[in-house]
C-alpha atoms as a PDB file:
ATOM      1  CA  UNK A   1      43.767  -3.080  32.738  1.00  0.00           C
ATOM      2  CA  UNK A   2      42.186  -2.510  29.313  1.00  0.00           C
ATOM      3  CA  UNK A   3      44.246  -3.725  26.397  1.00  0.00           C
ATOM      4  CA  UNK A   4      45.131  -1.090  23.752  1.00  0.00           C
ATOM      5  CA  UNK A   5      43.128  -2.842  21.001  1.00  0.00           C
ATOM      6  CA  UNK A   6      40.058  -3.077  23.240  1.00  0.00           C
ATOM      7  CA  UNK A   7      40.503   0.552  24.250  1.00  0.00           C
ATOM      8  CA  UNK A   8      40.476   1.616  20.595  1.00  0.00           C
ATOM      9  CA  UNK A   9      37.229  -0.284  20.027  1.00  0.00           C
ATOM     10  CA  UNK A  10      35.607   1.360  23.046  1.00  0.00           C
ATOM     11  CA  UNK A  11      36.756   4.787  21.922  1.00  0.00           C
ATOM     12  CA  UNK A  12      35.367   4.156  18.436  1.00  0.00           C
ATOM     13  CA  UNK A  13      31.989   3.088  19.851  1.00  0.00           C
ATOM     14  CA  UNK A  14      31.885   6.127  22.090  1.00  0.00           C
ATOM     15  CA  UNK A  15      32.686   8.394  19.164  1.00  0.00           C
ATOM     16  CA  UNK A  16      29.941   6.774  17.093  1.00  0.00           C
ATOM     17  CA  UNK A  17      27.455   7.312  19.909  1.00  0.00           C
ATOM     18  CA  UNK A  18      28.398  10.975  20.062  1.00  0.00           C
ATOM     19  CA  UNK A  19      28.255  11.473  16.320  1.00  0.00           C
ATOM     20  CA  UNK A  20      24.927   9.730  15.714  1.00  0.00           C
ATOM     21  CA  UNK A  21      22.677  12.458  17.122  1.00  0.00           C
ATOM     22  CA  UNK A  22      24.568  15.065  15.127  1.00  0.00           C
ATOM     23  CA  UNK A  23      24.183  12.914  12.022  1.00  0.00           C
ATOM     24  CA  UNK A  24      20.458  12.657  12.623  1.00  0.00           C
ATOM     25  CA  UNK A  25      20.212  16.377  13.309  1.00  0.00           C
ATOM     26  CA  UNK A  26      21.706  17.060   9.864  1.00  0.00           C
ATOM     27  CA  UNK A  27      19.724  14.294   8.142  1.00  0.00           C
ATOM     28  CA  UNK A  28      19.294  14.126   5.229  1.00  0.00           C
ATOM     29  CA  UNK A  29      22.599  15.265   3.776  1.00  0.00           C
ATOM     30  CA  UNK A  30      22.067  13.528   0.422  1.00  0.00           C
ATOM     31  CA  UNK A  31      19.097  12.294  -1.646  1.00  0.00           C
ATOM     32  CA  UNK A  32      16.891   9.583  -0.156  1.00  0.00           C
ATOM     33  CA  UNK A  33      15.691   6.621  -2.213  1.00  0.00           C
ATOM     34  CA  UNK A  34      11.928   6.046  -1.773  1.00  0.00           C
ATOM     35  CA  UNK A  35      11.128   2.568  -3.100  1.00  0.00           C
ATOM     36  CA  UNK A  36       7.693   1.807  -4.564  1.00  0.00           C
ATOM     37  CA  UNK A  37       7.333  -1.953  -5.176  1.00  0.00           C
ATOM     38  CA  UNK A  38       5.009  -1.436  -8.159  1.00  0.00           C
ATOM     39  CA  UNK A  39       4.972   0.155 -11.598  1.00  0.00           C
ATOM     40  CA  UNK A  40       4.102   3.871 -11.908  1.00  0.00           C
ATOM     41  CA  UNK A  41       0.494   5.150 -11.843  1.00  0.00           C
ATOM     42  CA  UNK A  42      -0.947   2.901  -9.114  1.00  0.00           C
ATOM     43  CA  UNK A  43      -2.075   4.109  -5.692  1.00  0.00           C
ATOM     44  CA  UNK A  44       1.202   3.173  -3.995  1.00  0.00           C
ATOM     45  CA  UNK A  45       3.111   5.202  -6.575  1.00  0.00           C
ATOM     46  CA  UNK A  46       0.708   8.163  -6.455  1.00  0.00           C
ATOM     47  CA  UNK A  47       0.900   8.436  -2.668  1.00  0.00           C
ATOM     48  CA  UNK A  48       4.686   8.026  -2.662  1.00  0.00           C
ATOM     49  CA  UNK A  49       5.097  10.913  -5.090  1.00  0.00           C
ATOM     50  CA  UNK A  50       2.796  13.165  -3.061  1.00  0.00           C
ATOM     51  CA  UNK A  51       4.702  12.476   0.160  1.00  0.00           C
ATOM     52  CA  UNK A  52       8.101  12.578  -1.575  1.00  0.00           C
ATOM     53  CA  UNK A  53       7.355  16.059  -2.884  1.00  0.00           C
ATOM     54  CA  UNK A  54       6.464  17.269   0.607  1.00  0.00           C
ATOM     55  CA  UNK A  55       9.557  15.707   2.216  1.00  0.00           C
ATOM     56  CA  UNK A  56      11.815  17.080  -0.521  1.00  0.00           C
ATOM     57  CA  UNK A  57      10.489  20.599   0.007  1.00  0.00           C
ATOM     58  CA  UNK A  58      10.561  20.483   3.803  1.00  0.00           C
ATOM     59  CA  UNK A  59      13.738  18.476   4.512  1.00  0.00           C
ATOM     60  CA  UNK A  60      16.119  20.079   2.046  1.00  0.00           C
ATOM     61  CA  UNK A  61      17.073  16.996  -0.005  1.00  0.00           C
ATOM     62  CA  UNK A  62      15.400  15.079  -2.810  1.00  0.00           C
ATOM     63  CA  UNK A  63      13.303  12.063  -1.874  1.00  0.00           C
ATOM     64  CA  UNK A  64      13.471  10.165  -5.156  1.00  0.00           C
ATOM     65  CA  UNK A  65      10.755   7.642  -5.980  1.00  0.00           C
ATOM     66  CA  UNK A  66      12.188   4.455  -7.466  1.00  0.00           C
ATOM     67  CA  UNK A  67       9.776   1.862  -8.857  1.00  0.00           C
ATOM     68  CA  UNK A  68      10.879  -1.741  -8.230  1.00  0.00           C
ATOM     69  CA  UNK A  69       7.940  -3.968  -9.234  1.00  0.00           C
ATOM     70  CA  UNK A  70       7.828  -7.740  -9.184  1.00  0.00           C
ATOM     71  CA  UNK A  71       6.800 -10.839  -7.241  1.00  0.00           C
ATOM     72  CA  UNK A  72       3.632  -9.249  -5.905  1.00  0.00           C
ATOM     73  CA  UNK A  73       5.472  -6.410  -4.115  1.00  0.00           C
ATOM     74  CA  UNK A  74       8.169  -8.656  -2.640  1.00  0.00           C
ATOM     75  CA  UNK A  75      11.113  -7.626  -4.843  1.00  0.00           C
ATOM     76  CA  UNK A  76      10.941  -3.977  -3.838  1.00  0.00           C
ATOM     77  CA  UNK A  77      10.333  -4.841  -0.200  1.00  0.00           C
ATOM     78  CA  UNK A  78      13.305  -7.230  -0.072  1.00  0.00           C
ATOM     79  CA  UNK A  79      15.506  -4.570  -1.689  1.00  0.00           C
ATOM     80  CA  UNK A  80      14.734  -2.241   1.223  1.00  0.00           C
ATOM     81  CA  UNK A  81      15.170  -5.036   3.788  1.00  0.00           C
ATOM     82  CA  UNK A  82      18.718  -5.564   2.492  1.00  0.00           C
ATOM     83  CA  UNK A  83      19.594  -1.863   2.150  1.00  0.00           C
ATOM     84  CA  UNK A  84      21.969  -0.164   4.613  1.00  0.00           C
ATOM     85  CA  UNK A  85      20.009   0.964   7.706  1.00  0.00           C
ATOM     86  CA  UNK A  86      21.187   4.562   7.392  1.00  0.00           C
ATOM     87  CA  UNK A  87      17.930   6.375   6.605  1.00  0.00           C
ATOM     88  CA  UNK A  88      18.657   6.770   2.898  1.00  0.00           C
ATOM     89  CA  UNK A  89      16.389   3.968   1.657  1.00  0.00           C
ATOM     90  CA  UNK A  90      12.729   3.740   2.589  1.00  0.00           C
ATOM     91  CA  UNK A  91       9.698   1.747   1.482  1.00  0.00           C
ATOM     92  CA  UNK A  92       6.163   2.805   0.629  1.00  0.00           C
ATOM     93  CA  UNK A  93       4.360   0.051   2.552  1.00  0.00           C
ATOM     94  CA  UNK A  94       0.922  -1.153   1.508  1.00  0.00           C
ATOM     95  CA  UNK A  95      -1.613  -3.951   2.130  1.00  0.00           C
ATOM     96  CA  UNK A  96       0.421  -6.507   0.171  1.00  0.00           C
ATOM     97  CA  UNK A  97       3.045  -6.357   2.912  1.00  0.00           C
ATOM     98  CA  UNK A  98       0.477  -7.670   5.369  1.00  0.00           C
ATOM     99  CA  UNK A  99      -1.091 -10.120   2.934  1.00  0.00           C
ATOM    100  CA  UNK A 100       2.130 -11.641   1.615  1.00  0.00           C
ATOM    101  CA  UNK A 101       3.195 -12.712   5.091  1.00  0.00           C
ATOM    102  CA  UNK A 102       0.621 -15.515   4.710  1.00  0.00           C
ATOM    103  CA  UNK A 103       0.161 -15.782   0.952  1.00  0.00           C
ATOM    104  CA  UNK A 104       3.834 -16.531   0.242  1.00  0.00           C
ATOM    105  CA  UNK A 105       5.223 -19.496   2.160  1.00  0.00           C
ATOM    106  CA  UNK A 106       8.968 -18.988   1.606  1.00  0.00           C
ATOM    107  CA  UNK A 107       9.712 -15.264   1.889  1.00  0.00           C
ATOM    108  CA  UNK A 108      13.301 -14.315   2.662  1.00  0.00           C
ATOM    109  CA  UNK A 109      12.134 -11.694   5.153  1.00  0.00           C
ATOM    110  CA  UNK A 110       9.499 -10.905   7.754  1.00  0.00           C
ATOM    111  CA  UNK A 111       7.731  -7.575   7.345  1.00  0.00           C
ATOM    112  CA  UNK A 112       7.285  -7.178  11.105  1.00  0.00           C
ATOM    113  CA  UNK A 113      10.847  -8.269  11.931  1.00  0.00           C
ATOM    114  CA  UNK A 114      12.954  -6.775   9.144  1.00  0.00           C
ATOM    115  CA  UNK A 115      11.269  -3.447   8.371  1.00  0.00           C
ATOM    116  CA  UNK A 116      11.177  -0.682  10.976  1.00  0.00           C
ATOM    117  CA  UNK A 117       7.846   1.179  10.954  1.00  0.00           C
ATOM    118  CA  UNK A 118       8.265   4.913  10.362  1.00  0.00           C
ATOM    119  CA  UNK A 119       4.876   6.548   9.729  1.00  0.00           C
ATOM    120  CA  UNK A 120       1.366   5.818   8.577  1.00  0.00           C
ATOM    121  CA  UNK A 121      -0.022   7.846   5.676  1.00  0.00           C
ATOM    122  CA  UNK A 122      -3.626   6.954   4.791  1.00  0.00           C
ATOM    123  CA  UNK A 123      -6.327   4.338   4.666  1.00  0.00           C
ATOM    124  CA  UNK A 124      -8.402   4.130   1.502  1.00  0.00           C
ATOM    125  CA  UNK A 125     -11.320   2.036   0.320  1.00  0.00           C
ATOM    126  CA  UNK A 126     -11.022  -0.101  -2.752  1.00  0.00           C
ATOM    127  CA  UNK A 127     -13.636   0.339  -5.446  1.00  0.00           C
ATOM    128  CA  UNK A 128     -15.337  -2.331  -7.533  1.00  0.00           C
ATOM    129  CA  UNK A 129     -15.416  -1.085 -11.111  1.00  0.00           C
ATOM    130  CA  UNK A 130     -16.205  -2.328 -14.590  1.00  0.00           C
ATOM    131  CA  UNK A 131     -15.895  -0.966 -18.129  1.00  0.00           C
ATOM    132  CA  UNK A 132     -18.989   0.949 -19.304  1.00  0.00           C
ATOM    133  CA  UNK A 133     -19.514  -1.702 -21.989  1.00  0.00           C
ATOM    134  CA  UNK A 134     -20.346  -4.363 -19.388  1.00  0.00           C
ATOM    135  CA  UNK A 135     -24.172  -4.460 -19.082  1.00  0.00           C
ATOM    136  CA  UNK A 136     -24.347  -3.985 -15.310  1.00  0.00           C
ATOM    137  CA  UNK A 137     -24.832  -0.870 -13.169  1.00  0.00           C
ATOM    138  CA  UNK A 138     -25.053  -2.273  -9.636  1.00  0.00           C
ATOM    139  CA  UNK A 139     -23.363  -4.909  -7.489  1.00  0.00           C
ATOM    140  CA  UNK A 140     -26.540  -7.005  -7.576  1.00  0.00           C
ATOM    141  CA  UNK A 141     -26.655  -6.851 -11.384  1.00  0.00           C
ATOM    142  CA  UNK A 142     -22.990  -7.834 -11.553  1.00  0.00           C
ATOM    143  CA  UNK A 143     -23.563 -10.887  -9.350  1.00  0.00           C
ATOM    144  CA  UNK A 144     -26.522 -11.961 -11.490  1.00  0.00           C
ATOM    145  CA  UNK A 145     -24.523 -11.431 -14.710  1.00  0.00           C
ATOM    146  CA  UNK A 146     -21.536 -13.347 -13.334  1.00  0.00           C
ATOM    147  CA  UNK A 147     -23.682 -16.306 -12.306  1.00  0.00           C
ATOM    148  CA  UNK A 148     -25.323 -16.322 -15.708  1.00  0.00           C
ATOM    149  CA  UNK A 149     -21.866 -16.420 -17.315  1.00  0.00           C
ATOM    150  CA  UNK A 150     -19.793 -18.661 -15.003  1.00  0.00           C
ATOM    151  CA  UNK A 151     -16.071 -18.685 -15.727  1.00  0.00           C
ATOM    152  CA  UNK A 152     -16.388 -16.097 -18.492  1.00  0.00           C
ATOM    153  CA  UNK A 153     -15.408 -12.998 -16.506  1.00  0.00           C
ATOM    154  CA  UNK A 154     -11.808 -12.001 -15.849  1.00  0.00           C
ATOM    155  CA  UNK A 155     -10.988 -10.230 -12.578  1.00  0.00           C
ATOM    156  CA  UNK A 156      -7.909  -8.009 -12.860  1.00  0.00           C
ATOM    157  CA  UNK A 157      -5.625  -7.017 -10.018  1.00  0.00           C
ATOM    158  CA  UNK A 158      -2.465  -4.977  -9.541  1.00  0.00           C
ATOM    159  CA  UNK A 159      -0.666  -8.197  -8.574  1.00  0.00           C
ATOM    160  CA  UNK A 160      -1.110 -11.429  -6.653  1.00  0.00           C
ATOM    161  CA  UNK A 161      -1.389 -10.785  -2.946  1.00  0.00           C
ATOM    162  CA  UNK A 162      -2.426  -7.135  -3.184  1.00  0.00           C
ATOM    163  CA  UNK A 163      -5.508  -5.826  -1.412  1.00  0.00           C
ATOM    164  CA  UNK A 164      -6.948  -5.438  -4.918  1.00  0.00           C
ATOM    165  CA  UNK A 165      -6.561  -9.193  -5.429  1.00  0.00           C
ATOM    166  CA  UNK A 166      -7.780 -10.209  -1.971  1.00  0.00           C
ATOM    167  CA  UNK A 167     -10.763  -7.839  -2.075  1.00  0.00           C
ATOM    168  CA  UNK A 168     -11.845  -9.680  -5.213  1.00  0.00           C
ATOM    169  CA  UNK A 169     -11.188 -13.106  -3.705  1.00  0.00           C
ATOM    170  CA  UNK A 170     -13.288 -12.168  -0.678  1.00  0.00           C
ATOM    171  CA  UNK A 171     -16.088 -11.060  -3.018  1.00  0.00           C
ATOM    172  CA  UNK A 172     -15.883 -14.362  -4.897  1.00  0.00           C
ATOM    173  CA  UNK A 173     -16.007 -16.353  -1.673  1.00  0.00           C
ATOM    174  CA  UNK A 174     -19.006 -14.423  -0.300  1.00  0.00           C
ATOM    175  CA  UNK A 175     -21.072 -14.357  -3.508  1.00  0.00           C
ATOM    176  CA  UNK A 176     -20.175 -17.577  -5.305  1.00  0.00           C
ATOM    177  CA  UNK A 177     -19.092 -15.640  -8.396  1.00  0.00           C
ATOM    178  CA  UNK A 178     -16.814 -17.708 -10.645  1.00  0.00           C
ATOM    179  CA  UNK A 179     -14.134 -15.410 -12.094  1.00  0.00           C
ATOM    180  CA  UNK A 180     -10.588 -15.938 -13.352  1.00  0.00           C
ATOM    181  CA  UNK A 181      -7.966 -13.842 -11.542  1.00  0.00           C
ATOM    182  CA  UNK A 182      -5.611 -12.028 -13.925  1.00  0.00           C
ATOM    183  CA  UNK A 183      -2.692 -10.395 -12.032  1.00  0.00           C
ATOM    184  CA  UNK A 184      -0.801  -7.447 -13.528  1.00  0.00           C
ATOM    185  CA  UNK A 185       2.454  -5.742 -12.522  1.00  0.00           C
ATOM    186  CA  UNK A 186       0.703  -2.734 -11.038  1.00  0.00           C
ATOM    187  CA  UNK A 187      -2.617  -0.932 -11.282  1.00  0.00           C
ATOM    188  CA  UNK A 188      -1.652   1.129 -14.338  1.00  0.00           C
ATOM    189  CA  UNK A 189      -1.576  -1.702 -16.907  1.00  0.00           C
ATOM    190  CA  UNK A 190      -4.527  -3.449 -15.225  1.00  0.00           C
ATOM    191  CA  UNK A 191      -6.690  -0.344 -15.563  1.00  0.00           C
ATOM    192  CA  UNK A 192      -5.711   0.122 -19.210  1.00  0.00           C
ATOM    193  CA  UNK A 193      -6.862  -3.411 -20.031  1.00  0.00           C
ATOM    194  CA  UNK A 194     -10.035  -2.897 -18.017  1.00  0.00           C
ATOM    195  CA  UNK A 195     -10.826   0.267 -19.965  1.00  0.00           C
ATOM    196  CA  UNK A 196     -10.113  -1.649 -23.157  1.00  0.00           C
ATOM    197  CA  UNK A 197     -12.439  -4.501 -22.160  1.00  0.00           C
ATOM    198  CA  UNK A 198      -9.784  -7.243 -22.014  1.00  0.00           C
ATOM    199  CA  UNK A 199     -10.792  -7.829 -18.371  1.00  0.00           C
ATOM    200  CA  UNK A 200     -14.197  -7.175 -16.855  1.00  0.00           C
ATOM    201  CA  UNK A 201     -13.783  -6.108 -13.219  1.00  0.00           C
ATOM    202  CA  UNK A 202     -11.242  -4.878 -10.683  1.00  0.00           C
ATOM    203  CA  UNK A 203     -11.396  -4.014  -6.969  1.00  0.00           C
ATOM    204  CA  UNK A 204      -8.827  -1.253  -7.237  1.00  0.00           C
ATOM    205  CA  UNK A 205      -7.503   1.177  -4.627  1.00  0.00           C
ATOM    206  CA  UNK A 206      -9.601   4.317  -5.087  1.00  0.00           C
ATOM    207  CA  UNK A 207      -6.740   6.844  -5.591  1.00  0.00           C
ATOM    208  CA  UNK A 208      -5.481   5.230  -8.801  1.00  0.00           C
ATOM    209  CA  UNK A 209      -8.996   4.815 -10.241  1.00  0.00           C
ATOM    210  CA  UNK A 210     -10.862   7.940  -9.229  1.00  0.00           C
ATOM    211  CA  UNK A 211      -9.773   9.908 -12.311  1.00  0.00           C
ATOM    212  CA  UNK A 212     -10.989   7.175 -14.686  1.00  0.00           C
ATOM    213  CA  UNK A 213     -14.292   6.938 -12.817  1.00  0.00           C
ATOM    214  CA  UNK A 214     -14.919  10.684 -12.855  1.00  0.00           C
ATOM    215  CA  UNK A 215     -13.853  10.800 -16.505  1.00  0.00           C
ATOM    216  CA  UNK A 216     -16.427   8.156 -17.465  1.00  0.00           C
ATOM    217  CA  UNK A 217     -13.872   5.603 -18.638  1.00  0.00           C
ATOM    218  CA  UNK A 218     -14.874   3.173 -15.872  1.00  0.00           C
ATOM    219  CA  UNK A 219     -18.128   2.537 -14.001  1.00  0.00           C
ATOM    220  CA  UNK A 220     -17.922   2.218 -10.218  1.00  0.00           C
ATOM    221  CA  UNK A 221     -20.346  -0.256  -8.643  1.00  0.00           C
ATOM    222  CA  UNK A 222     -19.412   0.018  -4.969  1.00  0.00           C
ATOM    223  CA  UNK A 223     -16.697   0.712  -2.401  1.00  0.00           C
ATOM    224  CA  UNK A 224     -15.194  -1.989  -0.211  1.00  0.00           C
ATOM    225  CA  UNK A 225     -15.276  -0.023   3.053  1.00  0.00           C
ATOM    226  CA  UNK A 226     -17.932  -0.514   5.721  1.00  0.00           C
ATOM    227  CA  UNK A 227     -19.183   3.056   5.207  1.00  0.00           C
ATOM    228  CA  UNK A 228     -19.730   5.113   2.077  1.00  0.00           C
ATOM    229  CA  UNK A 229     -16.794   7.157   0.833  1.00  0.00           C
ATOM    230  CA  UNK A 230     -17.357  10.899   1.557  1.00  0.00           C
ATOM    231  CA  UNK A 231     -15.798  11.956  -1.749  1.00  0.00           C
ATOM    232  CA  UNK A 232     -18.322   9.753  -3.631  1.00  0.00           C
ATOM    233  CA  UNK A 233     -21.404   9.819  -1.365  1.00  0.00           C
ATOM    234  CA  UNK A 234     -23.808   8.434  -3.984  1.00  0.00           C
ATOM    235  CA  UNK A 235     -21.738   5.299  -4.497  1.00  0.00           C
ATOM    236  CA  UNK A 236     -23.020   2.449  -2.283  1.00  0.00           C
ATOM    237  CA  UNK A 237     -20.823   0.076  -0.335  1.00  0.00           C
ATOM    238  CA  UNK A 238     -20.538  -3.517  -1.537  1.00  0.00           C
ATOM    239  CA  UNK A 239     -21.719  -4.494   1.944  1.00  0.00           C
ATOM    240  CA  UNK A 240     -25.125  -2.950   1.233  1.00  0.00           C
ATOM    241  CA  UNK A 241     -25.631  -5.809  -1.230  1.00  0.00           C
ATOM    242  CA  UNK A 242     -23.295  -8.428   0.280  1.00  0.00           C
ATOM    243  CA  UNK A 243     -23.810  -8.178   4.066  1.00  0.00           C
ATOM    244  CA  UNK A 244     -20.576  -8.351   6.060  1.00  0.00           C
ATOM    245  CA  UNK A 245     -18.280  -7.553   3.143  1.00  0.00           C
ATOM    246  CA  UNK A 246     -15.486  -5.106   4.078  1.00  0.00           C
ATOM    247  CA  UNK A 247     -11.857  -4.532   3.019  1.00  0.00           C
ATOM    248  CA  UNK A 248      -9.729  -1.383   3.098  1.00  0.00           C
ATOM    249  CA  UNK A 249      -6.198  -0.517   2.043  1.00  0.00           C
ATOM    250  CA  UNK A 250      -3.519   1.154   4.168  1.00  0.00           C
ATOM    251  CA  UNK A 251      -0.273   2.898   3.262  1.00  0.00           C
ATOM    252  CA  UNK A 252       2.781   4.061   5.195  1.00  0.00           C
ATOM    253  CA  UNK A 253       6.562   4.264   5.320  1.00  0.00           C
ATOM    254  CA  UNK A 254       9.132   1.749   6.536  1.00  0.00           C
ATOM    255  CA  UNK A 255      12.945   1.632   6.674  1.00  0.00           C
ATOM    256  CA  UNK A 256      15.430  -1.229   7.129  1.00  0.00           C
ATOM    257  CA  UNK A 257      15.622  -2.661  10.634  1.00  0.00           C
ATOM    258  CA  UNK A 258      18.431  -0.984  12.548  1.00  0.00           C
ATOM    259  CA  UNK A 259      17.852   2.490  11.094  1.00  0.00           C
ATOM    260  CA  UNK A 260      18.689   5.014  13.863  1.00  0.00           C
ATOM    261  CA  UNK A 261      15.651   5.818  15.971  1.00  0.00           C
ATOM    262  CA  UNK A 262      16.233   9.566  15.782  1.00  0.00           C
ATOM    263  CA  UNK A 263      16.179   9.473  11.968  1.00  0.00           C
ATOM    264  CA  UNK A 264      12.929   7.497  12.036  1.00  0.00           C
ATOM    265  CA  UNK A 265      11.420   9.989  14.465  1.00  0.00           C
ATOM    266  CA  UNK A 266      12.527  12.919  12.310  1.00  0.00           C
ATOM    267  CA  UNK A 267      10.814  11.507   9.196  1.00  0.00           C
ATOM    268  CA  UNK A 268       7.768  10.540  11.269  1.00  0.00           C
ATOM    269  CA  UNK A 269       7.408  14.085  12.579  1.00  0.00           C
ATOM    270  CA  UNK A 270       7.580  15.545   9.068  1.00  0.00           C
ATOM    271  CA  UNK A 271       5.017  13.072   7.691  1.00  0.00           C
ATOM    272  CA  UNK A 272       2.671  13.949  10.572  1.00  0.00           C
ATOM    273  CA  UNK A 273       3.100  17.636   9.745  1.00  0.00           C
ATOM    274  CA  UNK A 274       2.133  16.822   6.169  1.00  0.00           C
ATOM    275  CA  UNK A 275      -0.978  14.940   7.294  1.00  0.00           C
ATOM    276  CA  UNK A 276      -2.015  17.922   9.447  1.00  0.00           C
ATOM    277  CA  UNK A 277      -1.655  20.404   6.590  1.00  0.00           C
ATOM    278  CA  UNK A 278      -5.093  21.499   5.276  1.00  0.00           C
ATOM    279  CA  UNK A 279      -4.009  21.505   1.618  1.00  0.00           C
ATOM    280  CA  UNK A 280      -2.463  18.040   1.945  1.00  0.00           C
ATOM    281  CA  UNK A 281      -5.554  16.683   3.728  1.00  0.00           C
ATOM    282  CA  UNK A 282      -7.762  18.078   0.960  1.00  0.00           C
ATOM    283  CA  UNK A 283      -5.581  16.489  -1.708  1.00  0.00           C
ATOM    284  CA  UNK A 284      -5.644  13.101   0.036  1.00  0.00           C
ATOM    285  CA  UNK A 285      -9.413  13.378   0.565  1.00  0.00           C
ATOM    286  CA  UNK A 286      -9.910  13.849  -3.178  1.00  0.00           C
ATOM    287  CA  UNK A 287      -8.196  10.477  -3.602  1.00  0.00           C
ATOM    288  CA  UNK A 288     -10.368   8.844  -0.951  1.00  0.00           C
ATOM    289  CA  UNK A 289      -7.544   8.801   1.581  1.00  0.00           C
ATOM    290  CA  UNK A 290      -8.118   9.228   5.324  1.00  0.00           C
ATOM    291  CA  UNK A 291      -4.913  10.216   7.162  1.00  0.00           C
ATOM    292  CA  UNK A 292      -3.537   7.838   9.807  1.00  0.00           C
ATOM    293  CA  UNK A 293      -1.064   9.997  11.759  1.00  0.00           C
ATOM    294  CA  UNK A 294       0.760   8.695  14.808  1.00  0.00           C
ATOM    295  CA  UNK A 295       4.076   7.489  16.197  1.00  0.00           C
ATOM    296  CA  UNK A 296       6.301   4.832  14.608  1.00  0.00           C
ATOM    297  CA  UNK A 297       4.991   2.397  17.234  1.00  0.00           C
ATOM    298  CA  UNK A 298       1.405   3.258  16.280  1.00  0.00           C
ATOM    299  CA  UNK A 299       2.138   2.384  12.667  1.00  0.00           C
ATOM    300  CA  UNK A 300       3.949  -0.778  13.749  1.00  0.00           C
ATOM    301  CA  UNK A 301       0.803  -1.916  15.547  1.00  0.00           C
ATOM    302  CA  UNK A 302      -1.211  -1.207  12.395  1.00  0.00           C
ATOM    303  CA  UNK A 303       1.108  -3.378  10.294  1.00  0.00           C
ATOM    304  CA  UNK A 304       1.011  -6.228  12.820  1.00  0.00           C
ATOM    305  CA  UNK A 305      -2.800  -6.087  12.980  1.00  0.00           C
ATOM    306  CA  UNK A 306      -3.055  -6.157   9.186  1.00  0.00           C
ATOM    307  CA  UNK A 307      -0.876  -9.290   9.026  1.00  0.00           C
ATOM    308  CA  UNK A 308      -3.347 -11.023  11.369  1.00  0.00           C
ATOM    309  CA  UNK A 309      -6.427  -9.673   9.555  1.00  0.00           C
ATOM    310  CA  UNK A 310      -5.342 -10.723   6.082  1.00  0.00           C
ATOM    311  CA  UNK A 311      -4.135 -14.112   7.296  1.00  0.00           C
ATOM    312  CA  UNK A 312      -7.786 -14.887   8.037  1.00  0.00           C
ATOM    313  CA  UNK A 313      -8.897 -13.612   4.614  1.00  0.00           C
ATOM    314  CA  UNK A 314      -6.221 -15.580   2.735  1.00  0.00           C
ATOM    315  CA  UNK A 315      -7.100 -18.751   4.628  1.00  0.00           C
ATOM    316  CA  UNK A 316     -10.877 -18.441   4.341  1.00  0.00           C
ATOM    317  CA  UNK A 317     -10.839 -17.435   0.655  1.00  0.00           C
ATOM    318  CA  UNK A 318      -8.360 -20.117  -0.378  1.00  0.00           C
ATOM    319  CA  UNK A 319      -6.393 -17.492  -2.343  1.00  0.00           C
ATOM    320  CA  UNK A 320      -3.192 -18.750  -3.921  1.00  0.00           C
ATOM    321  CA  UNK A 321      -0.300 -17.141  -5.769  1.00  0.00           C
ATOM    322  CA  UNK A 322      -0.481 -17.857  -9.484  1.00  0.00           C
END
């Protein structure tokens, strides 16, 4: 015989099971917080706002971008890890999530354990760029200039542990260039100081830099991908000068572990529809982004692979958090 108290618990669980699909079917019924763990104007922020606009228009509620920078991406990520797993808080994931798993020794979370993968968005190359006042026009000239001025060049990044940082550390390790790493709280302020000449080089995600490059405020020397970027076909890869050099950035969406599967699948389906839309694909292509559609599990495998990949880069480069 089932005791009355136990019976009430079972009835409550059964009711919850019945209500959850209906809840997901109506989702979202209120605005969704879309956390970007960086300051505005960087690639992570740009992509989040593009996707948030699409989701807002197609899903009937506002997806509101909230910038939570700090600790090399970890503050914003931890905020999402600790948020209620109800589908109303999500994270714009990026290479730092894979890198930080190794770079930081005492994180309060595991990106593969505590964040549920939702959908991939794009992969982009990073771009090595300098202010026009620096007397170099190619990767080879930069290496020669750096070696002639050891320790005098400052390498900016959007934060310790970002792909921008690690792309530069990999370059240093493979070329012997002696540069001081100067981390910023996002790409926006780093690019402003680069344009102003306070720092001399950055390996930035292409989407946040392409406007400055096309506007002549910065000079691109090469892309970090293995192949040339179709939107900038005349720009060589760094690997054409430094054989074997390659590093790309990836971006996608995650939610707190325990978020209902049907909510995750609903957001995933809408993101995939966005990535299949010709106008959206053209907009992402202008930013150097190549869509990475797929299931939540597909994106989960991407995240896990990136953790392994960047672990090797962090270890071999000797990169450390300042």
